[in-house]
Amino acid sequence: MQKKTDKSVKSVAQVAQVDKSAMSENPIPENKMGTMDINPLLLSMSIPMMISMLIQALYNIVDSIFVSRVCEEAFTAVSLVFPIQTLVVALVGGTGIGVGTVLSHALGEKKFDKVNSVAMTGIFLTAIYFLVFVLVGIFVSKPFFILQTDDSLIVKYGIDYMQIIMIASLGVCTQFIFERLLISTGKSFYSMITQTTGAIINIVLDPIFIFGVNIKGVQIVPRLEAKGAAIATVIGQFVAGFMAIIFNYTKNHEIKFKFRGFKMESFIVGQVYKIGIPTIIMQAIGSVMVFGFNKILLGFTSTAAAVFGAYFKLQSFFFMPVFGLNNGMVPIVAYNYGAQKQKRIISTMKFAMLYAGIIMFLGFLAFQLLPKQLLAIFHASDKMLEMGVPALRIISVHFLICWFCIISGSVCQALGKAFFSMITSLLRQLIVLLPAAYLLSLTGKINAVWWSFPIAEAVSLIVSTVFLVITYKKIIKPIGQTDTAM
C-alpha cells in the first residue's frame, strides 16, 4: 500500500494502531475474531475445545480403570505421580495461556512483528521447561517415591512410570505450546483434532502396552504394566505435538516462525508471565486441594475419600466443557481488547456466561437426579452409595454459581487482570474451601463437610462480582465503541 501525498494525512493515533507489516503490498486480512458475529464465532472456537476436553476427561477415567486392573500397588503408584503431572501441565499450560493471550492482543492491534516474537518466545520457554523435566525424571523420581512410601512394589511401579513420563515430556511440551498458538489465532478446530487424536491413541495403546499381546502362545507385545501406561501416554502426546506443529506451519498464516536470529525480549517474557504465573498457580493448586481434602476425609473413613475421588472424575464431564468454552472465549476477548472493540468484548462475555450457566445447570440436574447411576460407573459398594448419593447432591449445589466465577475470572485474565482470576481460584479451591471443610469436619458428620464446596463458591461469587465490576469500569468502559459489526 504506497503512500499518496494527495490523500489526507492519517492521525497519529491511527498510525500508532497499525504495524508496518500491515502496510505492505499484501496486507494480512482482518482475523475472524474481529469481524465474525460473536455467537457463531464463540461456538466455532469453543465447541472443538469442549469436545477435545471431554475426550481428555474420558481418557483419564479409562486410563485409571486399566491401571487398576494390574494391581492395587500399580494404581497407587500412578496416582502418586498425579501432583507431578499436574505441575507439568500447570507450567507448560499456564505459560501457553500467557503466550496465547499476549499473542491474541498483539494480533488485534495489528502488531504482526510482535505476534511472531511472542510465538517464538513461547516455544523457547517451553524448550527450557522440557530440559528441567528431563532432569526431574532422572534425579527426582526415586527420592520422590521413597519419601512417600516404603512399599517396594509401589516404589518400583512409580519410578518406572514417572521416569518415562518426565524424560519423554517433549511430546506434551510440544503439544501444549503449538495447540495454544492455534487457539490464539482462532483455529481451535485444529487443536481439537490434535487433542482428540492424542487421546484416542492413548486409550487404544493403554491395554496393549499394559497387558501385552499374546497370539497363540507368541508374545507379540510384552506385558509392561505401569511402564506400558506411560509409554502409551507419551506416544499419544508425541503424535498430537507433531500434528500441532504441522497445522501451525500449514494453516496458521498469521504467525511466521523464524528461528534464525531470534532473541527473547525481556518485556515480552514479562507480559507472558504477567498472565502466565497466576494461571500456573491456579492450575497447580488443584492438586494441593485434592491432597488436603483427602486428608480431612480420611479422618472419617477411606470410603469418604473414594466418594470424593469418584466425584472428582465425574465433575470433569461438566467442568471440562466450561473450561473449553473459556479457551474459546479468552482469545476473542483479548483480540477485541487489542482492537479496542468494546461491544464485541461485552457480547462475548454475555454469550460465554449463558452457555456456561446452561452446562453447569445440566450438571446439577445429573447429580441431583442420577447420583446412584453415576457412582455405579465405579462399581460402588452399598456403603459407598450410602455416603456418595447425598455427597453428590450436596456438592453439586455449587454448580449453580460456579459458572459465573469461572467465566468472570477468565474475562479478567484476558484483559490483563490475571491476578483477579488467581485470587478467585485460590478462594474457591484453598483459602475458603479447606478451612471450611476442616471446621465442618469437627461436627463429626461427613455430610456437613460436603457443604464446604457451596460455601467456598458463595464467597468466590461475591469476590468475582467485585473484580468484574472493577475490570469493567477501568478497562472495558473507557474503550471507544469503534466496532459497528457484531
Protein backbone atom coordinates (compact mmCIF):
# COMPACT_ATOMS: atom_id res chain seq x y z
CA MET A 1 0.00 0.00 0.00
CA GLN A 2 2.04 3.01 -1.25
CA LYS A 3 1.78 6.40 0.37
CA LYS A 4 -0.14 9.03 -1.60
CA THR A 5 0.55 12.67 -0.88
CA ASP A 6 -2.74 13.80 -2.38
CA LYS A 7 -4.69 11.96 0.31
CA SER A 8 -5.44 13.27 3.77
CA VAL A 9 -2.80 12.51 6.37
CA LYS A 10 -3.68 9.88 8.92
CA SER A 11 -3.79 10.94 12.54
CA VAL A 12 -1.01 9.95 14.91
CA ALA A 13 -3.46 7.77 16.83
CA GLN A 14 -4.37 5.84 13.70
CA VAL A 15 -0.77 5.34 12.72
CA ALA A 16 0.03 4.05 16.20
CA GLN A 17 -2.53 1.28 15.77
CA VAL A 18 -1.10 -0.01 12.51
CA ASP A 19 2.03 -2.14 12.36
CA LYS A 20 4.39 -1.64 9.45
CA SER A 21 3.77 -5.15 8.23
CA ALA A 22 0.10 -4.29 7.82
CA MET A 23 1.03 -1.65 5.27
CA SER A 24 2.83 -3.97 2.90
CA GLU A 25 1.64 -4.64 -0.63
CA ASN A 26 -0.19 -7.76 0.62
CA PRO A 27 -1.68 -6.82 4.00
CA ILE A 28 -2.89 -9.67 6.21
CA PRO A 29 -6.71 -9.62 6.27
CA GLU A 30 -8.62 -8.97 9.47
CA ASN A 31 -8.82 -12.07 11.67
CA LYS A 32 -12.30 -13.56 12.09
CA MET A 33 -12.12 -12.74 15.81
CA GLY A 34 -12.60 -9.08 14.86
CA THR A 35 -15.27 -9.47 12.19
CA MET A 36 -17.40 -12.63 12.59
CA ASP A 37 -20.69 -12.47 14.51
CA ILE A 38 -19.93 -13.18 18.17
CA ASN A 39 -22.30 -16.09 18.80
CA PRO A 40 -21.19 -18.29 15.88
CA LEU A 41 -17.59 -17.16 16.45
CA LEU A 42 -17.63 -18.24 20.10
CA LEU A 43 -19.27 -21.54 19.24
CA SER A 44 -16.88 -22.24 16.37
CA MET A 45 -13.88 -21.65 18.62
CA SER A 46 -15.25 -23.26 21.77
CA ILE A 47 -17.05 -26.41 20.61
CA PRO A 48 -13.87 -28.07 19.28
CA MET A 49 -12.15 -27.36 22.60
CA MET A 50 -15.15 -28.63 24.57
CA ILE A 51 -15.18 -31.88 22.60
CA SER A 52 -11.44 -32.43 22.99
CA MET A 53 -11.61 -31.75 26.74
CA LEU A 54 -14.49 -34.19 27.13
CA ILE A 55 -12.35 -36.80 25.42
CA GLN A 56 -9.49 -35.93 27.77
CA ALA A 57 -11.83 -36.44 30.74
CA LEU A 58 -12.89 -39.81 29.33
CA TYR A 59 -9.25 -40.76 28.84
CA ASN A 60 -8.41 -40.03 32.49
CA ILE A 61 -11.14 -42.36 33.67
CA VAL A 62 -10.34 -45.15 31.20
CA ASP A 63 -6.63 -44.89 31.98
CA SER A 64 -7.33 -45.28 35.70
CA ILE A 65 -9.52 -48.33 35.08
CA PHE A 66 -6.83 -50.10 33.03
CA VAL A 67 -4.02 -49.46 35.53
CA SER A 68 -6.17 -50.53 38.48
CA ARG A 69 -6.59 -53.96 36.83
CA VAL A 70 -2.84 -54.62 37.09
CA CYS A 71 -2.87 -54.45 40.89
CA GLU A 72 -3.63 -52.01 43.67
CA GLU A 73 0.06 -51.09 44.03
CA ALA A 74 0.30 -50.07 40.37
CA PHE A 75 -2.82 -47.94 40.66
CA THR A 76 -1.48 -46.31 43.83
CA ALA A 77 1.88 -45.60 42.21
CA VAL A 78 0.34 -43.92 39.18
CA SER A 79 -1.96 -41.92 41.46
CA LEU A 80 1.02 -40.67 43.46
CA VAL A 81 2.55 -39.24 40.28
CA PHE A 82 -0.57 -37.08 39.77
CA PRO A 83 0.81 -33.98 41.57
CA ILE A 84 3.93 -34.06 39.37
CA GLN A 85 1.86 -34.40 36.20
CA THR A 86 -0.36 -31.58 37.40
CA LEU A 87 2.72 -29.40 37.88
CA VAL A 88 3.92 -30.17 34.34
CA VAL A 89 0.52 -29.22 32.91
CA ALA A 90 0.43 -26.10 35.10
CA LEU A 91 3.85 -24.85 33.96
CA VAL A 92 3.51 -25.60 30.26
CA GLY A 93 -0.23 -24.94 30.04
CA GLY A 94 -0.11 -21.76 32.13
CA THR A 95 2.77 -20.36 30.10
CA GLY A 96 0.88 -21.31 26.93
CA ILE A 97 -2.17 -19.35 28.09
CA GLY A 98 0.07 -16.35 28.80
CA VAL A 99 1.60 -16.65 25.33
CA GLY A 100 -1.81 -17.06 23.69
CA THR A 101 -3.37 -14.08 25.47
CA VAL A 102 -0.48 -11.72 24.65
CA LEU A 103 -0.40 -13.01 21.07
CA SER A 104 -4.15 -12.52 20.55
CA HIS A 105 -3.88 -9.00 21.94
CA ALA A 106 -0.99 -8.17 19.58
CA LEU A 107 -2.95 -9.67 16.68
CA GLY A 108 -5.88 -7.38 17.48
CA GLU A 109 -3.53 -4.39 17.48
CA LYS A 110 -2.17 -5.48 14.05
CA LYS A 111 1.35 -5.72 15.55
CA PHE A 112 2.42 -8.71 13.47
CA ASP A 113 6.12 -8.49 14.33
CA LYS A 114 5.17 -8.80 17.99
CA VAL A 115 2.87 -11.74 17.16
CA ASN A 116 5.85 -13.64 15.72
CA SER A 117 8.11 -12.68 18.61
CA VAL A 118 5.57 -13.83 21.21
CA ALA A 119 5.15 -17.17 19.42
CA MET A 120 8.89 -17.80 19.28
CA THR A 121 9.27 -16.77 22.94
CA GLY A 122 6.66 -19.35 23.92
CA ILE A 123 8.48 -22.08 22.01
CA PHE A 124 11.83 -21.30 23.64
CA LEU A 125 10.34 -21.08 27.16
CA THR A 126 8.71 -24.46 26.63
CA ALA A 127 12.04 -25.94 25.48
CA ILE A 128 13.58 -24.79 28.78
CA TYR A 129 10.76 -26.50 30.70
CA PHE A 130 11.43 -29.73 28.84
CA LEU A 131 15.09 -29.74 29.91
CA VAL A 132 14.04 -29.21 33.53
CA PHE A 133 11.50 -32.05 33.33
CA VAL A 134 14.18 -34.42 32.00
CA LEU A 135 16.41 -33.64 34.98
CA VAL A 136 13.48 -34.19 37.34
CA GLY A 137 12.77 -37.56 35.75
CA ILE A 138 16.38 -38.68 36.08
CA PHE A 139 17.24 -37.41 39.55
CA VAL A 140 13.96 -36.85 41.45
CA SER A 141 11.82 -39.90 40.61
CA LYS A 142 13.41 -42.31 43.10
CA PRO A 143 13.62 -39.97 46.14
CA PHE A 144 10.10 -38.71 45.35
CA PHE A 145 8.64 -42.19 45.94
CA ILE A 146 10.97 -43.30 48.70
CA LEU A 147 9.88 -40.28 50.75
CA GLN A 148 6.21 -41.23 50.33
CA THR A 149 6.16 -44.98 50.94
CA ASP A 150 8.30 -47.93 51.97
CA ASP A 151 6.32 -50.34 49.80
CA SER A 152 8.96 -51.57 47.34
CA LEU A 153 6.39 -52.54 44.69
CA ILE A 154 4.75 -49.12 44.73
CA VAL A 155 8.20 -47.52 44.53
CA LYS A 156 9.14 -49.70 41.55
CA TYR A 157 5.93 -49.03 39.62
CA GLY A 158 6.11 -45.33 40.45
CA ILE A 159 9.70 -44.86 39.30
CA ASP A 160 9.01 -46.77 36.07
CA TYR A 161 6.01 -44.58 35.28
CA MET A 162 7.39 -41.21 36.37
CA GLN A 163 10.75 -41.52 34.62
CA ILE A 164 9.17 -42.27 31.26
CA ILE A 165 6.58 -39.51 31.62
CA MET A 166 9.18 -36.88 32.55
CA ILE A 167 12.14 -37.85 30.35
CA ALA A 168 9.84 -38.15 27.30
CA SER A 169 7.91 -34.96 28.12
CA LEU A 170 8.95 -33.32 24.84
CA GLY A 171 5.66 -34.58 23.38
CA VAL A 172 3.41 -32.91 25.94
CA CYS A 173 5.51 -29.71 25.85
CA THR A 174 5.26 -29.51 22.06
CA GLN A 175 1.57 -30.33 22.10
CA PHE A 176 0.65 -27.65 24.65
CA ILE A 177 2.53 -24.71 23.13
CA PHE A 178 1.65 -25.34 19.49
CA GLU A 179 -2.00 -26.04 20.31
CA ARG A 180 -2.13 -22.77 22.19
CA LEU A 181 -0.75 -20.93 19.14
CA LEU A 182 -3.58 -22.40 17.06
CA ILE A 183 -6.18 -21.36 19.64
CA SER A 184 -4.79 -17.83 19.98
CA THR A 185 -5.32 -17.15 16.27
CA GLY A 186 -8.83 -18.58 16.20
CA LYS A 187 -8.00 -22.04 14.82
CA SER A 188 -9.24 -24.15 17.72
CA PHE A 189 -10.72 -26.71 15.30
CA TYR A 190 -7.21 -27.96 14.52
CA SER A 191 -6.40 -28.04 18.22
CA MET A 192 -9.43 -30.28 18.70
CA ILE A 193 -8.07 -32.65 16.06
CA THR A 194 -4.65 -32.89 17.74
CA GLN A 195 -6.03 -33.38 21.25
CA THR A 196 -8.62 -35.90 20.14
CA THR A 197 -6.09 -37.89 18.12
CA GLY A 198 -3.62 -37.99 21.01
CA ALA A 199 -6.26 -39.08 23.50
CA ILE A 200 -7.64 -41.82 21.24
CA ILE A 201 -4.14 -43.18 20.56
CA ASN A 202 -3.53 -43.21 24.30
CA ILE A 203 -6.74 -45.08 25.04
CA VAL A 204 -6.11 -47.65 22.30
CA LEU A 205 -2.49 -48.29 23.27
CA ASP A 206 -3.12 -48.49 27.03
CA PRO A 207 -4.37 -52.11 27.19
CA ILE A 208 -1.88 -53.19 24.51
CA PHE A 209 1.21 -51.98 26.37
CA ILE A 210 -0.09 -52.51 29.91
CA PHE A 211 -1.21 -56.13 29.47
CA GLY A 212 0.75 -57.09 26.36
CA VAL A 213 -0.45 -59.03 23.32
CA ASN A 214 -0.19 -62.81 23.15
CA ILE A 215 -1.31 -64.58 19.96
CA LYS A 216 -1.31 -68.38 20.03
CA GLY A 217 1.39 -68.50 22.67
CA VAL A 218 3.60 -65.94 20.91
CA GLN A 219 4.18 -62.75 22.91
CA ILE A 220 3.81 -60.07 20.23
CA VAL A 221 3.90 -57.18 22.73
CA PRO A 222 5.38 -57.71 26.21
CA ARG A 223 3.35 -57.02 29.35
CA LEU A 224 4.79 -53.70 30.60
CA GLU A 225 2.19 -52.75 33.27
CA ALA A 226 2.95 -49.25 34.65
CA LYS A 227 5.67 -48.72 32.06
CA GLY A 228 3.13 -49.57 29.39
CA ALA A 229 0.72 -46.91 30.64
CA ALA A 230 3.50 -44.32 30.49
CA ILE A 231 4.59 -45.39 27.01
CA ALA A 232 1.02 -45.20 25.70
CA THR A 233 0.69 -41.71 27.19
CA VAL A 234 3.87 -40.28 25.66
CA ILE A 235 3.18 -41.80 22.24
CA GLY A 236 -0.21 -40.07 22.17
CA GLN A 237 1.44 -36.81 23.24
CA PHE A 238 4.17 -37.04 20.59
CA VAL A 239 1.64 -37.67 17.81
CA ALA A 240 -0.53 -34.76 18.98
CA GLY A 241 2.50 -32.48 19.25
CA PHE A 242 3.73 -33.37 15.76
CA MET A 243 0.27 -32.73 14.31
CA ALA A 244 0.08 -29.35 16.09
CA ILE A 245 3.40 -28.32 14.51
CA ILE A 246 2.19 -29.33 11.04
CA PHE A 247 -1.09 -27.43 11.45
CA ASN A 248 0.76 -24.31 12.56
CA TYR A 249 3.08 -24.35 9.57
CA THR A 250 0.34 -25.12 7.03
CA LYS A 251 -2.74 -23.36 8.44
CA ASN A 252 -1.59 -20.66 10.86
CA HIS A 253 -0.54 -17.97 8.38
CA GLU A 254 -0.70 -15.15 10.95
CA ILE A 255 2.48 -16.50 12.59
CA LYS A 256 5.85 -16.61 10.85
CA PHE A 257 8.24 -19.00 12.60
CA LYS A 258 11.75 -17.56 12.27
CA PHE A 259 14.32 -19.32 14.44
CA ARG A 260 17.42 -17.78 12.87
CA GLY A 261 18.49 -14.62 14.66
CA PHE A 262 15.68 -14.80 17.21
CA LYS A 263 16.37 -13.30 20.63
CA MET A 264 13.98 -13.35 23.56
CA GLU A 265 12.97 -9.88 24.68
CA SER A 266 12.53 -9.35 28.40
CA PHE A 267 9.43 -7.18 28.08
CA ILE A 268 7.62 -9.91 26.11
CA VAL A 269 8.65 -12.55 28.66
CA GLY A 270 7.34 -10.21 31.34
CA GLN A 271 3.99 -9.81 29.56
CA VAL A 272 3.68 -13.57 29.11
CA TYR A 273 4.31 -14.31 32.77
CA LYS A 274 2.12 -11.46 33.96
CA ILE A 275 -0.71 -13.60 32.59
CA GLY A 276 1.00 -16.96 32.90
CA ILE A 277 2.14 -17.01 36.54
CA PRO A 278 -1.34 -16.54 38.04
CA THR A 279 -2.61 -19.20 35.63
CA ILE A 280 0.21 -21.56 36.64
CA ILE A 281 -0.68 -21.06 40.29
CA MET A 282 -4.39 -21.59 39.60
CA GLN A 283 -3.77 -24.86 37.79
CA ALA A 284 -1.26 -26.11 40.36
CA ILE A 285 -3.44 -25.54 43.42
CA GLY A 286 -5.89 -28.22 42.27
CA SER A 287 -3.54 -30.99 43.37
CA VAL A 288 -2.99 -29.25 46.72
CA MET A 289 -6.74 -29.05 47.21
CA VAL A 290 -7.23 -32.75 46.47
CA PHE A 291 -4.43 -33.71 48.85
CA GLY A 292 -5.76 -31.52 51.68
CA PHE A 293 -9.38 -32.56 51.23
CA ASN A 294 -8.44 -36.24 51.22
CA LYS A 295 -6.55 -35.78 54.48
CA ILE A 296 -9.72 -34.42 56.07
CA LEU A 297 -11.91 -37.18 54.63
CA LEU A 298 -9.56 -39.96 55.72
CA GLY A 299 -10.25 -38.81 59.27
CA PHE A 300 -13.71 -40.30 58.76
CA THR A 301 -13.18 -43.34 56.55
CA SER A 302 -11.39 -44.39 53.36
CA THR A 303 -14.82 -44.69 51.73
CA ALA A 304 -15.23 -40.93 52.04
CA ALA A 305 -12.02 -40.45 50.08
CA ALA A 306 -13.29 -42.93 47.46
CA VAL A 307 -16.52 -40.95 47.14
CA PHE A 308 -14.55 -37.74 46.65
CA GLY A 309 -12.38 -39.44 44.05
CA ALA A 310 -15.49 -40.58 42.16
CA TYR A 311 -16.95 -37.06 42.35
CA PHE A 312 -13.73 -35.51 41.10
CA LYS A 313 -13.76 -37.70 37.99
CA LEU A 314 -17.48 -37.26 37.34
CA GLN A 315 -17.47 -33.48 37.69
CA SER A 316 -14.88 -33.22 34.90
CA PHE A 317 -17.59 -34.13 32.38
CA PHE A 318 -19.23 -30.76 33.12
CA PHE A 319 -16.30 -28.58 34.14
CA MET A 320 -14.16 -29.57 31.14
CA PRO A 321 -16.70 -28.20 28.61
CA VAL A 322 -16.81 -24.93 30.58
CA PHE A 323 -13.01 -24.75 30.50
CA GLY A 324 -13.19 -25.45 26.76
CA LEU A 325 -15.63 -22.55 26.47
CA ASN A 326 -13.10 -20.46 28.36
CA ASN A 327 -10.34 -21.41 25.93
CA GLY A 328 -12.51 -20.24 23.06
CA MET A 329 -13.57 -17.04 24.81
CA VAL A 330 -10.20 -15.73 26.06
CA PRO A 331 -8.54 -15.11 22.66
CA ILE A 332 -11.72 -13.39 21.37
CA VAL A 333 -11.80 -11.02 24.34
CA ALA A 334 -8.04 -10.41 24.16
CA TYR A 335 -8.15 -9.78 20.40
CA ASN A 336 -11.01 -7.30 20.61
CA TYR A 337 -9.37 -5.60 23.57
CA GLY A 338 -6.31 -5.07 21.37
CA ALA A 339 -8.58 -3.88 18.54
CA GLN A 340 -10.48 -1.61 21.00
CA LYS A 341 -13.89 -3.09 20.18
CA GLN A 342 -15.96 -2.69 23.32
CA LYS A 343 -19.25 -4.10 22.05
CA ARG A 344 -17.64 -7.33 20.90
CA ILE A 345 -15.98 -7.83 24.30
CA ILE A 346 -19.27 -7.39 26.16
CA SER A 347 -21.18 -9.60 23.74
CA THR A 348 -18.58 -12.37 24.10
CA MET A 349 -18.88 -12.21 27.89
CA LYS A 350 -22.68 -12.48 27.76
CA PHE A 351 -22.75 -15.48 25.43
CA ALA A 352 -20.00 -17.26 27.37
CA MET A 353 -21.88 -16.83 30.65
CA LEU A 354 -25.12 -18.03 29.05
CA TYR A 355 -23.58 -21.25 27.73
CA ALA A 356 -21.54 -21.91 30.88
CA GLY A 357 -24.67 -21.48 33.00
CA ILE A 358 -26.60 -23.98 30.86
CA ILE A 359 -23.80 -26.57 31.04
CA MET A 360 -23.47 -26.36 34.82
CA PHE A 361 -27.25 -26.47 35.31
CA LEU A 362 -27.32 -29.72 33.36
CA GLY A 363 -24.55 -30.99 35.63
CA PHE A 364 -26.58 -30.00 38.67
CA LEU A 365 -29.59 -31.92 37.36
CA ALA A 366 -27.48 -35.01 36.62
CA PHE A 367 -26.00 -35.08 40.12
CA GLN A 368 -29.38 -34.46 41.74
CA LEU A 369 -31.39 -36.98 39.73
CA LEU A 370 -28.86 -39.72 38.86
CA PRO A 371 -26.33 -39.99 41.73
CA LYS A 372 -26.66 -43.80 42.04
CA GLN A 373 -26.19 -44.35 38.32
CA LEU A 374 -23.14 -42.07 38.24
CA LEU A 375 -21.48 -43.83 41.17
CA ALA A 376 -22.25 -47.23 39.64
CA ILE A 377 -19.69 -46.44 36.93
CA PHE A 378 -17.05 -47.12 39.59
CA HIS A 379 -18.75 -50.28 40.91
CA ALA A 380 -19.67 -48.51 44.13
CA SER A 381 -20.38 -50.69 47.15
CA ASP A 382 -23.54 -50.27 49.24
CA LYS A 383 -21.53 -48.30 51.79
CA MET A 384 -20.12 -46.03 49.10
CA LEU A 385 -23.59 -45.47 47.64
CA GLU A 386 -25.00 -44.63 51.08
CA MET A 387 -22.34 -41.99 51.56
CA GLY A 388 -21.98 -40.94 47.92
CA VAL A 389 -25.60 -40.17 46.98
CA PRO A 390 -26.02 -37.30 49.48
CA ALA A 391 -22.44 -36.18 48.79
CA LEU A 392 -23.05 -35.68 45.05
CA ARG A 393 -26.30 -33.87 45.73
CA ILE A 394 -24.77 -31.50 48.28
CA ILE A 395 -21.56 -30.74 46.38
CA SER A 396 -23.40 -30.10 43.11
CA VAL A 397 -25.25 -27.15 44.66
CA HIS A 398 -22.19 -25.05 43.88
CA PHE A 399 -22.62 -25.84 40.16
CA LEU A 400 -25.42 -23.26 40.14
CA ILE A 401 -22.99 -20.37 40.75
CA CYS A 402 -19.50 -21.58 39.82
CA TRP A 403 -20.05 -20.84 36.11
CA PHE A 404 -20.12 -17.10 36.82
CA CYS A 405 -16.92 -17.25 38.87
CA ILE A 406 -15.08 -19.21 36.19
CA ILE A 407 -16.12 -17.03 33.24
CA SER A 408 -15.65 -13.70 35.02
CA GLY A 409 -12.19 -14.77 36.17
CA SER A 410 -11.20 -15.64 32.61
CA VAL A 411 -12.51 -12.30 31.32
CA CYS A 412 -10.29 -10.51 33.83
CA GLN A 413 -7.39 -12.71 32.71
CA ALA A 414 -7.96 -11.92 29.02
CA LEU A 415 -7.97 -8.20 29.82
CA GLY A 416 -4.65 -8.35 31.66
CA LYS A 417 -6.03 -8.73 35.20
CA ALA A 418 -4.90 -12.31 35.76
CA PHE A 419 -4.26 -11.53 39.43
CA PHE A 420 -8.03 -11.20 39.94
CA SER A 421 -8.57 -14.61 38.38
CA MET A 422 -5.88 -16.13 40.59
CA ILE A 423 -7.44 -14.73 43.78
CA THR A 424 -10.91 -16.11 42.98
CA SER A 425 -9.44 -19.51 42.14
CA LEU A 426 -7.49 -19.58 45.41
CA LEU A 427 -10.66 -18.73 47.32
CA ARG A 428 -12.66 -21.46 45.57
CA GLN A 429 -10.09 -24.22 45.99
CA LEU A 430 -7.96 -23.41 49.04
CA ILE A 431 -8.39 -20.31 51.16
CA VAL A 432 -12.08 -20.84 51.96
CA LEU A 433 -12.68 -24.45 50.94
CA LEU A 434 -10.15 -26.32 53.10
CA PRO A 435 -10.66 -24.32 56.34
CA ALA A 436 -14.43 -24.63 55.90
CA ALA A 437 -14.12 -28.38 55.32
CA TYR A 438 -11.93 -28.77 58.41
CA LEU A 439 -14.27 -26.77 60.66
CA LEU A 440 -17.30 -28.67 59.40
CA SER A 441 -15.48 -31.96 59.99
CA LEU A 442 -15.36 -31.10 63.68
CA THR A 443 -19.12 -31.71 63.79
CA GLY A 444 -18.35 -35.39 63.24
CA LYS A 445 -20.83 -35.53 60.35
CA ILE A 446 -19.43 -36.34 56.92
CA ASN A 447 -22.38 -34.74 55.12
CA ALA A 448 -21.52 -31.42 56.75
CA VAL A 449 -18.06 -31.49 55.13
CA TRP A 450 -19.52 -31.57 51.62
CA TRP A 451 -21.16 -28.18 52.23
CA SER A 452 -17.71 -26.57 52.16
CA PHE A 453 -17.97 -26.53 48.35
CA PRO A 454 -21.13 -24.35 48.16
CA ILE A 455 -19.77 -22.14 50.96
CA ALA A 456 -16.46 -21.53 49.15
CA GLU A 457 -18.29 -20.86 45.89
CA ALA A 458 -20.60 -18.33 47.53
CA VAL A 459 -17.59 -16.35 48.81
CA SER A 460 -15.98 -16.61 45.39
CA LEU A 461 -19.18 -15.29 43.78
CA ILE A 462 -19.04 -12.11 45.85
CA VAL A 463 -15.35 -11.51 45.13
CA SER A 464 -15.73 -12.37 41.41
CA THR A 465 -18.55 -9.86 41.07
CA VAL A 466 -16.45 -7.11 42.66
CA PHE A 467 -13.46 -7.88 40.43
CA LEU A 468 -15.59 -7.98 37.28
CA VAL A 469 -17.15 -4.60 38.13
CA ILE A 470 -13.69 -3.10 38.70
CA THR A 471 -12.41 -4.55 35.42
CA TYR A 472 -15.44 -3.23 33.55
CA LYS A 473 -15.09 0.29 34.94
CA LYS A 474 -11.31 0.54 34.45
CA ILE A 475 -10.80 -1.35 31.19
CA ILE A 476 -13.97 -2.14 29.25
CA LYS A 477 -16.00 1.02 29.78
CA PRO A 478 -13.28 3.51 28.66
CA ILE A 479 -12.82 1.70 25.33
CA GLY A 480 -14.25 3.72 22.46
CA GLN A 481 -17.13 1.97 20.76
CA THR A 482 -15.47 1.81 17.37
CA ASP A 483 -16.97 -1.53 16.41
CA THR A 484 -20.18 -1.43 14.43
CA ALA A 485 -20.23 -5.05 13.31
CA MET A 486 -21.48 -7.58 15.85
